[in-house]
Amino acid sequence: MSKTIITISRQHGSGGRAIGEEVARRLGYEYLDEVLITEAAERTGLAKDYIKQKSEYSLSTSIFSYAFVSRDQRGYSIDDMLFNAQRDIINEAADKGPCVIVGRSADYILRNRPHCLNIFVHASHDFRAERLMKLFDLSRDEALKEMKTFDKKRAINYKYVTDRNWGEARNYGICLSSSFLGMDKCIDLICEAAK
């Protein structure tokens, strides 16, 4: 059975986004990442920059930050409204046809779809730090700090919206180490698994 929907969750700096783009190109699938931000902004009226920061990341590196957010009379916060909008957009994209979706808890949102392949891309600290240093002209210390902060905030947001642990192997069909396999091999393996 071919997998027509591929979700890619990733550690910061592992190359998951670049892997997702190339998988979509090779398979001729629609690639959804920035497009989700634009669509969510149109539907919610929230600024794109806000959505980019909040659609995958918690406010802080503590789960308790969600206890202090403002909520409306139904108990919903802006974070809940944003997640619901993104959930609808992701489901609609999956209904339309083959696609690769990066991040935004898409693996959880689409977990019950039979034609969905959920991938988690991870890598060694050294590999990730080197990539970030080259891509964003960071010092090693800056890259390591950014990795730790981004992954922690991603994990907290994922836990908040899914009540599952981000990066836990049982939540994904395949977990790939881009530092061990190389990014090209990760792309090959995902494309093969999708067939």
C-alpha atoms as a PDB file:
ATOM      1  CA  MET A   1       0.000   0.000   0.000  1.00  0.00           C
ATOM      2  CA  SER A   2       1.539   3.305  -1.043  1.00  0.00           C
ATOM      3  CA  LYS A   3       1.822   6.124   1.439  1.00  0.00           C
ATOM      4  CA  THR A   4       0.415   9.285  -0.074  1.00  0.00           C
ATOM      5  CA  ILE A   5       0.857  11.455   3.008  1.00  0.00           C
ATOM      6  CA  ILE A   6       4.250  11.835   4.649  1.00  0.00           C
ATOM      7  CA  THR A   7       4.789  13.755   7.868  1.00  0.00           C
ATOM      8  CA  ILE A   8       8.258  14.693   9.023  1.00  0.00           C
ATOM      9  CA  SER A   9       9.044  15.672  12.584  1.00  0.00           C
ATOM     10  CA  ARG A  10      12.632  16.593  13.289  1.00  0.00           C
ATOM     11  CA  GLN A  11      15.237  17.726  15.737  1.00  0.00           C
ATOM     12  CA  HIS A  12      16.480  21.242  15.156  1.00  0.00           C
ATOM     13  CA  GLY A  13      19.433  21.132  12.782  1.00  0.00           C
ATOM     14  CA  SER A  14      18.921  17.501  11.704  1.00  0.00           C
ATOM     15  CA  GLY A  15      18.011  18.464   8.139  1.00  0.00           C
ATOM     16  CA  GLY A  16      14.430  17.233   8.365  1.00  0.00           C
ATOM     17  CA  ARG A  17      13.013  20.213   6.505  1.00  0.00           C
ATOM     18  CA  ALA A  18      15.504  19.851   3.630  1.00  0.00           C
ATOM     19  CA  ILE A  19      14.843  16.106   3.539  1.00  0.00           C
ATOM     20  CA  GLY A  20      11.098  16.762   3.356  1.00  0.00           C
ATOM     21  CA  GLU A  21      11.491  19.235   0.499  1.00  0.00           C
ATOM     22  CA  GLU A  22      13.556  16.771  -1.547  1.00  0.00           C
ATOM     23  CA  VAL A  23      11.202  13.854  -0.831  1.00  0.00           C
ATOM     24  CA  ALA A  24       8.266  15.957  -2.060  1.00  0.00           C
ATOM     25  CA  ARG A  25      10.194  16.967  -5.183  1.00  0.00           C
ATOM     26  CA  ARG A  26      11.209  13.391  -6.028  1.00  0.00           C
ATOM     27  CA  LEU A  27       7.753  11.941  -5.454  1.00  0.00           C
ATOM     28  CA  GLY A  28       5.906  14.847  -7.060  1.00  0.00           C
ATOM     29  CA  TYR A  29       3.999  15.475  -3.826  1.00  0.00           C
ATOM     30  CA  GLU A  30       2.877  18.866  -2.573  1.00  0.00           C
ATOM     31  CA  TYR A  31       5.255  20.239   0.079  1.00  0.00           C
ATOM     32  CA  LEU A  32       3.594  21.916   3.060  1.00  0.00           C
ATOM     33  CA  ASP A  33       5.524  23.964   5.566  1.00  0.00           C
ATOM     34  CA  GLU A  34       5.420  27.743   5.065  1.00  0.00           C
ATOM     35  CA  VAL A  35       2.098  27.372   3.238  1.00  0.00           C
ATOM     36  CA  LEU A  36       0.547  26.164   6.507  1.00  0.00           C
ATOM     37  CA  ILE A  37       1.646  29.383   8.203  1.00  0.00           C
ATOM     38  CA  THR A  38       0.141  31.549   5.457  1.00  0.00           C
ATOM     39  CA  GLU A  39      -3.156  29.651   5.499  1.00  0.00           C
ATOM     40  CA  ALA A  40      -3.355  29.716   9.313  1.00  0.00           C
ATOM     41  CA  ALA A  41      -2.733  33.485   9.270  1.00  0.00           C
ATOM     42  CA  GLU A  42      -5.576  33.988   6.799  1.00  0.00           C
ATOM     43  CA  ARG A  43      -7.989  31.863   8.827  1.00  0.00           C
ATOM     44  CA  THR A  44      -7.172  33.155  12.283  1.00  0.00           C
ATOM     45  CA  GLY A  45      -6.171  36.752  11.599  1.00  0.00           C
ATOM     46  CA  LEU A  46      -2.949  36.177  13.550  1.00  0.00           C
ATOM     47  CA  ALA A  47       0.345  37.540  12.235  1.00  0.00           C
ATOM     48  CA  LYS A  48       2.548  35.157  10.246  1.00  0.00           C
ATOM     49  CA  ASP A  49       5.525  35.815  12.541  1.00  0.00           C
ATOM     50  CA  TYR A  50       3.434  34.920  15.574  1.00  0.00           C
ATOM     51  CA  ILE A  51       2.230  31.715  13.935  1.00  0.00           C
ATOM     52  CA  LYS A  52       5.757  30.785  12.885  1.00  0.00           C
ATOM     53  CA  GLN A  53       6.915  31.110  16.497  1.00  0.00           C
ATOM     54  CA  LYS A  54       3.869  29.509  18.101  1.00  0.00           C
ATOM     55  CA  SER A  55       2.775  26.775  15.705  1.00  0.00           C
ATOM     56  CA  GLU A  56       5.517  24.401  16.868  1.00  0.00           C
ATOM     57  CA  TYR A  57       7.024  25.988  19.951  1.00  0.00           C
ATOM     58  CA  SER A  58       5.886  26.705  23.487  1.00  0.00           C
ATOM     59  CA  LEU A  59       6.324  30.156  24.985  1.00  0.00           C
ATOM     60  CA  SER A  60       9.070  28.926  27.281  1.00  0.00           C
ATOM     61  CA  THR A  61      11.021  25.819  28.168  1.00  0.00           C
ATOM     62  CA  SER A  62       8.476  24.876  30.834  1.00  0.00           C
ATOM     63  CA  ILE A  63       5.142  23.103  30.344  1.00  0.00           C
ATOM     64  CA  PHE A  64       3.780  25.327  33.113  1.00  0.00           C
ATOM     65  CA  SER A  65       3.812  28.307  30.746  1.00  0.00           C
ATOM     66  CA  TYR A  66       0.516  26.975  29.338  1.00  0.00           C
ATOM     67  CA  ALA A  67      -1.113  27.287  32.758  1.00  0.00           C
ATOM     68  CA  PHE A  68      -0.821  31.070  32.607  1.00  0.00           C
ATOM     69  CA  VAL A  69      -2.161  31.813  29.125  1.00  0.00           C
ATOM     70  CA  SER A  70      -5.368  33.767  28.713  1.00  0.00           C
ATOM     71  CA  ARG A  71      -8.463  31.783  27.886  1.00  0.00           C
ATOM     72  CA  ASP A  72     -11.905  32.747  26.659  1.00  0.00           C
ATOM     73  CA  GLN A  73     -15.184  31.824  28.368  1.00  0.00           C
ATOM     74  CA  ARG A  74     -15.058  28.328  26.791  1.00  0.00           C
ATOM     75  CA  GLY A  75     -11.561  27.733  28.160  1.00  0.00           C
ATOM     76  CA  TYR A  76      -9.780  28.122  24.805  1.00  0.00           C
ATOM     77  CA  SER A  77      -6.511  29.996  24.410  1.00  0.00           C
ATOM     78  CA  ILE A  78      -4.975  31.511  21.292  1.00  0.00           C
ATOM     79  CA  ASP A  79      -2.707  28.432  21.215  1.00  0.00           C
ATOM     80  CA  ASP A  80      -5.795  26.199  21.068  1.00  0.00           C
ATOM     81  CA  MET A  81      -7.338  28.317  18.308  1.00  0.00           C
ATOM     82  CA  LEU A  82      -4.098  28.142  16.310  1.00  0.00           C
ATOM     83  CA  PHE A  83      -3.784  24.368  16.756  1.00  0.00           C
ATOM     84  CA  ASN A  84      -7.407  23.842  15.695  1.00  0.00           C
ATOM     85  CA  ALA A  85      -6.906  25.971  12.582  1.00  0.00           C
ATOM     86  CA  GLN A  86      -3.709  24.100  11.669  1.00  0.00           C
ATOM     87  CA  ARG A  87      -5.410  20.759  12.333  1.00  0.00           C
ATOM     88  CA  ASP A  88      -8.169  21.671   9.882  1.00  0.00           C
ATOM     89  CA  ILE A  89      -5.659  22.865   7.264  1.00  0.00           C
ATOM     90  CA  ILE A  90      -3.569  19.693   7.610  1.00  0.00           C
ATOM     91  CA  ASN A  91      -6.627  17.433   7.328  1.00  0.00           C
ATOM     92  CA  GLU A  92      -7.839  19.344   4.264  1.00  0.00           C
ATOM     93  CA  ALA A  93      -4.399  19.055   2.634  1.00  0.00           C
ATOM     94  CA  ALA A  94      -4.326  15.329   3.323  1.00  0.00           C
ATOM     95  CA  ASP A  95      -7.821  14.983   1.816  1.00  0.00           C
ATOM     96  CA  LYS A  96      -6.688  16.716  -1.395  1.00  0.00           C
ATOM     97  CA  GLY A  97      -3.921  14.291  -2.250  1.00  0.00           C
ATOM     98  CA  PRO A  98      -0.282  13.298  -1.894  1.00  0.00           C
ATOM     99  CA  CYS A  99       1.739  15.652   0.293  1.00  0.00           C
ATOM    100  CA  VAL A 100       4.716  16.013   2.613  1.00  0.00           C
ATOM    101  CA  ILE A 101       3.993  17.951   5.801  1.00  0.00           C
ATOM    102  CA  VAL A 102       6.823  19.132   8.032  1.00  0.00           C
ATOM    103  CA  GLY A 103       6.215  19.605  11.749  1.00  0.00           C
ATOM    104  CA  ARG A 104       3.158  21.113  13.390  1.00  0.00           C
ATOM    105  CA  SER A 105       2.166  17.837  15.084  1.00  0.00           C
ATOM    106  CA  ALA A 106       0.958  16.513  11.719  1.00  0.00           C
ATOM    107  CA  ASP A 107       2.015  12.997  12.727  1.00  0.00           C
ATOM    108  CA  TYR A 108      -0.491  13.158  15.596  1.00  0.00           C
ATOM    109  CA  ILE A 109      -3.231  14.903  13.625  1.00  0.00           C
ATOM    110  CA  LEU A 110      -3.067  12.295  10.842  1.00  0.00           C
ATOM    111  CA  ARG A 111      -2.255   9.288  13.051  1.00  0.00           C
ATOM    112  CA  ASN A 112      -5.377   7.318  12.085  1.00  0.00           C
ATOM    113  CA  ARG A 113      -4.992   7.656   8.319  1.00  0.00           C
ATOM    114  CA  PRO A 114      -3.937   4.391   6.687  1.00  0.00           C
ATOM    115  CA  HIS A 115      -1.988   6.018   3.848  1.00  0.00           C
ATOM    116  CA  CYS A 116       0.159   8.155   6.151  1.00  0.00           C
ATOM    117  CA  LEU A 117       3.857   7.584   6.833  1.00  0.00           C
ATOM    118  CA  ASN A 118       5.128   9.388   9.936  1.00  0.00           C
ATOM    119  CA  ILE A 119       8.890  10.026  10.048  1.00  0.00           C
ATOM    120  CA  PHE A 120      11.129  11.372  12.792  1.00  0.00           C
ATOM    121  CA  VAL A 121      14.559  12.699  11.758  1.00  0.00           C
ATOM    122  CA  HIS A 122      17.232  13.023  14.422  1.00  0.00           C
ATOM    123  CA  ALA A 123      20.995  13.471  14.376  1.00  0.00           C
ATOM    124  CA  SER A 124      24.044  13.700  16.613  1.00  0.00           C
ATOM    125  CA  HIS A 125      24.797  16.935  18.447  1.00  0.00           C
ATOM    126  CA  ASP A 126      27.940  17.465  16.370  1.00  0.00           C
ATOM    127  CA  PHE A 127      26.149  17.006  13.041  1.00  0.00           C
ATOM    128  CA  ARG A 128      23.335  19.352  14.030  1.00  0.00           C
ATOM    129  CA  ALA A 129      25.682  21.994  15.445  1.00  0.00           C
ATOM    130  CA  GLU A 130      27.826  21.939  12.292  1.00  0.00           C
ATOM    131  CA  ARG A 131      24.762  22.350  10.045  1.00  0.00           C
ATOM    132  CA  LEU A 132      23.418  25.257  12.088  1.00  0.00           C
ATOM    133  CA  MET A 133      26.823  26.926  12.221  1.00  0.00           C
ATOM    134  CA  LYS A 134      27.071  26.800   8.410  1.00  0.00           C
ATOM    135  CA  LEU A 135      23.454  27.686   7.665  1.00  0.00           C
ATOM    136  CA  PHE A 136      23.077  30.577  10.096  1.00  0.00           C
ATOM    137  CA  ASP A 137      26.669  31.687  10.724  1.00  0.00           C
ATOM    138  CA  LEU A 138      26.500  30.755  14.409  1.00  0.00           C
ATOM    139  CA  SER A 139      29.281  29.962  16.841  1.00  0.00           C
ATOM    140  CA  ARG A 140      29.317  26.415  18.206  1.00  0.00           C
ATOM    141  CA  ASP A 141      27.994  27.620  21.573  1.00  0.00           C
ATOM    142  CA  GLU A 142      25.173  29.533  19.864  1.00  0.00           C
ATOM    143  CA  ALA A 143      24.260  26.495  17.775  1.00  0.00           C
ATOM    144  CA  LEU A 144      24.203  24.171  20.798  1.00  0.00           C
ATOM    145  CA  LYS A 145      22.096  26.631  22.793  1.00  0.00           C
ATOM    146  CA  GLU A 146      19.660  27.057  19.883  1.00  0.00           C
ATOM    147  CA  MET A 147      19.345  23.273  19.463  1.00  0.00           C
ATOM    148  CA  LYS A 148      18.567  22.776  23.125  1.00  0.00           C
ATOM    149  CA  THR A 149      16.055  25.633  23.294  1.00  0.00           C
ATOM    150  CA  PHE A 150      14.208  24.844  20.057  1.00  0.00           C
ATOM    151  CA  ASP A 151      13.937  21.122  20.773  1.00  0.00           C
ATOM    152  CA  LYS A 152      12.757  21.722  24.339  1.00  0.00           C
ATOM    153  CA  LYS A 153      10.075  24.181  23.191  1.00  0.00           C
ATOM    154  CA  ARG A 154       9.007  21.814  20.408  1.00  0.00           C
ATOM    155  CA  ALA A 155       8.742  18.922  22.870  1.00  0.00           C
ATOM    156  CA  ILE A 156       6.667  20.972  25.304  1.00  0.00           C
ATOM    157  CA  ASN A 157       4.291  22.203  22.591  1.00  0.00           C
ATOM    158  CA  TYR A 158       3.903  18.652  21.244  1.00  0.00           C
ATOM    159  CA  LYS A 159       3.128  17.347  24.743  1.00  0.00           C
ATOM    160  CA  TYR A 160       0.572  20.133  25.265  1.00  0.00           C
ATOM    161  CA  VAL A 161      -1.339  19.513  22.031  1.00  0.00           C
ATOM    162  CA  THR A 162      -0.994  15.709  21.818  1.00  0.00           C
ATOM    163  CA  ASP A 163      -0.344  14.453  25.358  1.00  0.00           C
ATOM    164  CA  ARG A 164       2.435  12.331  23.811  1.00  0.00           C
ATOM    165  CA  ASN A 165       6.216  12.557  23.964  1.00  0.00           C
ATOM    166  CA  TRP A 166       7.869  14.230  20.989  1.00  0.00           C
ATOM    167  CA  GLY A 167      10.558  12.108  19.364  1.00  0.00           C
ATOM    168  CA  GLU A 168       9.405   8.870  20.986  1.00  0.00           C
ATOM    169  CA  ALA A 169       9.906   6.097  18.412  1.00  0.00           C
ATOM    170  CA  ARG A 170       6.481   4.483  18.877  1.00  0.00           C
ATOM    171  CA  ASN A 171       4.798   7.666  17.586  1.00  0.00           C
ATOM    172  CA  TYR A 172       6.417   7.289  14.149  1.00  0.00           C
ATOM    173  CA  GLY A 173       6.581   4.667  11.436  1.00  0.00           C
ATOM    174  CA  ILE A 174      10.277   5.323  10.848  1.00  0.00           C
ATOM    175  CA  CYS A 175      12.987   7.106  12.839  1.00  0.00           C
ATOM    176  CA  LEU A 176      16.070   8.083  10.830  1.00  0.00           C
ATOM    177  CA  SER A 177      19.447   9.404  11.912  1.00  0.00           C
ATOM    178  CA  SER A 178      20.591  11.879   9.274  1.00  0.00           C
ATOM    179  CA  SER A 179      24.060  11.987  10.855  1.00  0.00           C
ATOM    180  CA  PHE A 180      24.469   8.208  10.659  1.00  0.00           C
ATOM    181  CA  LEU A 181      22.785   7.543   7.316  1.00  0.00           C
ATOM    182  CA  GLY A 182      23.421  10.848   5.576  1.00  0.00           C
ATOM    183  CA  MET A 183      20.647  13.062   4.258  1.00  0.00           C
ATOM    184  CA  ASP A 184      20.627  11.509   0.774  1.00  0.00           C
ATOM    185  CA  LYS A 185      20.116   8.012   2.191  1.00  0.00           C
ATOM    186  CA  CYS A 186      17.303   9.303   4.433  1.00  0.00           C
ATOM    187  CA  ILE A 187      15.600  10.731   1.334  1.00  0.00           C
ATOM    188  CA  ASP A 188      16.045   7.445  -0.558  1.00  0.00           C
ATOM    189  CA  LEU A 189      14.636   5.414   2.341  1.00  0.00           C
ATOM    190  CA  ILE A 190      11.575   7.642   2.770  1.00  0.00           C
ATOM    191  CA  CYS A 191      10.832   7.569  -0.960  1.00  0.00           C
ATOM    192  CA  GLU A 192      11.169   3.775  -0.984  1.00  0.00           C
ATOM    193  CA  ALA A 193       8.958   3.395   2.096  1.00  0.00           C
ATOM    194  CA  ALA A 194       6.294   5.583   0.487  1.00  0.00           C
ATOM    195  CA  LYS A 195       5.947   3.230  -2.514  1.00  0.00           C
END
